[in-house]
Amino acid sequence: MSDERSTALATELHRRGLDAPALLLLEAHRPLRPLLGNLAVFLLPMVRSLHSRALDRAVAGVASDDAYDALVEELHNTERAG
């Protein structure tokens, strides 16, 4: 997930008032992130027929440590600015 996409997602979550719950869930599930990333990569071929590019982007975000950390950082930034 690029910095622009992390920023856009964090901004949209903030706009909808979901930045605090999303941040709480991301921080609480950080120890499971490697497992969740592997699970997402494993399940992707099975559910790809149901969803398209949005699912691919979500899996890329969960599977990457950098993308996960970027989203958490952006959510912290929107909460400070909000």
C-alpha atoms as a PDB file:
ATOM      1  CA  MET A   1       0.000   0.000   0.000  1.00  0.00           C
ATOM      2  CA  SER A   2       1.538   3.303  -1.023  1.00  0.00           C
ATOM      3  CA  ASP A   3       1.647   6.349   1.200  1.00  0.00           C
ATOM      4  CA  GLU A   4      -1.054   7.984  -0.932  1.00  0.00           C
ATOM      5  CA  ARG A   5      -3.391   5.034  -0.456  1.00  0.00           C
ATOM      6  CA  SER A   6      -2.675   4.910   3.274  1.00  0.00           C
ATOM      7  CA  THR A   7      -3.443   8.611   3.507  1.00  0.00           C
ATOM      8  CA  ALA A   8      -6.622   8.251   1.456  1.00  0.00           C
ATOM      9  CA  LEU A   9      -7.847   5.303   3.535  1.00  0.00           C
ATOM     10  CA  ALA A  10      -7.037   7.047   6.818  1.00  0.00           C
ATOM     11  CA  THR A  11      -8.793  10.207   5.636  1.00  0.00           C
ATOM     12  CA  GLU A  12     -11.886   8.272   4.596  1.00  0.00           C
ATOM     13  CA  LEU A  13     -11.988   6.403   7.908  1.00  0.00           C
ATOM     14  CA  HIS A  14     -11.673   9.721   9.743  1.00  0.00           C
ATOM     15  CA  ARG A  15     -14.433  11.296   7.622  1.00  0.00           C
ATOM     16  CA  ARG A  16     -16.755   8.446   8.561  1.00  0.00           C
ATOM     17  CA  GLY A  17     -15.785   8.610  12.238  1.00  0.00           C
ATOM     18  CA  LEU A  18     -14.139   5.195  12.128  1.00  0.00           C
ATOM     19  CA  ASP A  19     -10.530   6.227  12.642  1.00  0.00           C
ATOM     20  CA  ALA A  20     -10.435   5.440  16.366  1.00  0.00           C
ATOM     21  CA  PRO A  21     -12.047   1.966  16.034  1.00  0.00           C
ATOM     22  CA  ALA A  22      -9.832   1.135  13.043  1.00  0.00           C
ATOM     23  CA  LEU A  23      -6.733   2.232  14.931  1.00  0.00           C
ATOM     24  CA  LEU A  24      -7.757   0.192  17.962  1.00  0.00           C
ATOM     25  CA  LEU A  25      -8.290  -2.924  15.826  1.00  0.00           C
ATOM     26  CA  LEU A  26      -5.034  -2.466  13.914  1.00  0.00           C
ATOM     27  CA  GLU A  27      -3.018  -1.983  17.089  1.00  0.00           C
ATOM     28  CA  ALA A  28      -4.717  -4.906  18.852  1.00  0.00           C
ATOM     29  CA  HIS A  29      -4.112  -7.268  15.935  1.00  0.00           C
ATOM     30  CA  ARG A  30      -0.507  -6.216  15.243  1.00  0.00           C
ATOM     31  CA  PRO A  31       0.908  -9.469  16.754  1.00  0.00           C
ATOM     32  CA  LEU A  32      -1.305 -11.467  14.379  1.00  0.00           C
ATOM     33  CA  ARG A  33      -0.349  -9.429  11.301  1.00  0.00           C
ATOM     34  CA  PRO A  34       2.053 -12.005   9.817  1.00  0.00           C
ATOM     35  CA  LEU A  35      -0.509 -14.767  10.234  1.00  0.00           C
ATOM     36  CA  LEU A  36      -3.323 -12.621   8.822  1.00  0.00           C
ATOM     37  CA  GLY A  37      -1.156 -11.648   5.859  1.00  0.00           C
ATOM     38  CA  ASN A  38      -0.372 -15.277   5.058  1.00  0.00           C
ATOM     39  CA  LEU A  39      -4.028 -16.231   5.474  1.00  0.00           C
ATOM     40  CA  ALA A  40      -5.084 -13.454   3.122  1.00  0.00           C
ATOM     41  CA  VAL A  41      -2.570 -14.556   0.480  1.00  0.00           C
ATOM     42  CA  PHE A  42      -3.748 -18.166   0.865  1.00  0.00           C
ATOM     43  CA  LEU A  43      -7.449 -17.308   0.537  1.00  0.00           C
ATOM     44  CA  LEU A  44      -7.053 -14.789  -2.284  1.00  0.00           C
ATOM     45  CA  PRO A  45      -7.348 -17.289  -5.178  1.00  0.00           C
ATOM     46  CA  MET A  46     -10.513 -18.770  -3.674  1.00  0.00           C
ATOM     47  CA  VAL A  47     -12.343 -15.486  -3.270  1.00  0.00           C
ATOM     48  CA  ARG A  48     -10.901 -13.589  -6.227  1.00  0.00           C
ATOM     49  CA  SER A  49     -13.885 -14.543  -8.363  1.00  0.00           C
ATOM     50  CA  LEU A  50     -16.170 -12.742  -5.908  1.00  0.00           C
ATOM     51  CA  HIS A  51     -14.127  -9.572  -5.674  1.00  0.00           C
ATOM     52  CA  SER A  52     -11.695  -7.829  -7.918  1.00  0.00           C
ATOM     53  CA  ARG A  53      -8.969  -5.243  -7.548  1.00  0.00           C
ATOM     54  CA  ALA A  54     -10.171  -3.939  -4.183  1.00  0.00           C
ATOM     55  CA  LEU A  55      -9.471  -7.323  -2.654  1.00  0.00           C
ATOM     56  CA  ASP A  56      -6.016  -7.474  -4.235  1.00  0.00           C
ATOM     57  CA  ARG A  57      -5.186  -4.064  -2.735  1.00  0.00           C
ATOM     58  CA  ALA A  58      -6.490  -5.111   0.687  1.00  0.00           C
ATOM     59  CA  VAL A  59      -4.399  -8.281   0.639  1.00  0.00           C
ATOM     60  CA  ALA A  60      -1.335  -6.298  -0.386  1.00  0.00           C
ATOM     61  CA  GLY A  61      -1.942  -3.970   2.545  1.00  0.00           C
ATOM     62  CA  VAL A  62      -2.306  -6.764   5.065  1.00  0.00           C
ATOM     63  CA  ALA A  63       0.611  -8.787   3.709  1.00  0.00           C
ATOM     64  CA  SER A  64       3.113  -5.934   3.935  1.00  0.00           C
ATOM     65  CA  ASP A  65       4.624  -4.729   7.214  1.00  0.00           C
ATOM     66  CA  ASP A  66       5.377  -1.340   5.674  1.00  0.00           C
ATOM     67  CA  ALA A  67       1.815  -0.837   4.429  1.00  0.00           C
ATOM     68  CA  TYR A  68       0.346  -1.879   7.778  1.00  0.00           C
ATOM     69  CA  ASP A  69       2.636   0.507   9.645  1.00  0.00           C
ATOM     70  CA  ALA A  70       1.919   3.318   7.168  1.00  0.00           C
ATOM     71  CA  LEU A  71      -1.832   2.956   7.700  1.00  0.00           C
ATOM     72  CA  VAL A  72      -1.423   2.946  11.494  1.00  0.00           C
ATOM     73  CA  GLU A  73       0.769   6.055  11.281  1.00  0.00           C
ATOM     74  CA  GLU A  74      -1.728   7.850   9.046  1.00  0.00           C
ATOM     75  CA  LEU A  75      -4.563   7.009  11.444  1.00  0.00           C
ATOM     76  CA  HIS A  76      -2.503   8.426  14.320  1.00  0.00           C
ATOM     77  CA  ASN A  77      -1.931  11.569  12.256  1.00  0.00           C
ATOM     78  CA  THR A  78      -5.613  12.031  11.425  1.00  0.00           C
ATOM     79  CA  GLU A  79      -6.532  11.558  15.071  1.00  0.00           C
ATOM     80  CA  ARG A  80      -4.020  14.222  16.131  1.00  0.00           C
ATOM     81  CA  ALA A  81      -5.233  16.603  13.415  1.00  0.00           C
ATOM     82  CA  GLY A  82      -8.916  15.863  14.045  1.00  0.00           C
END
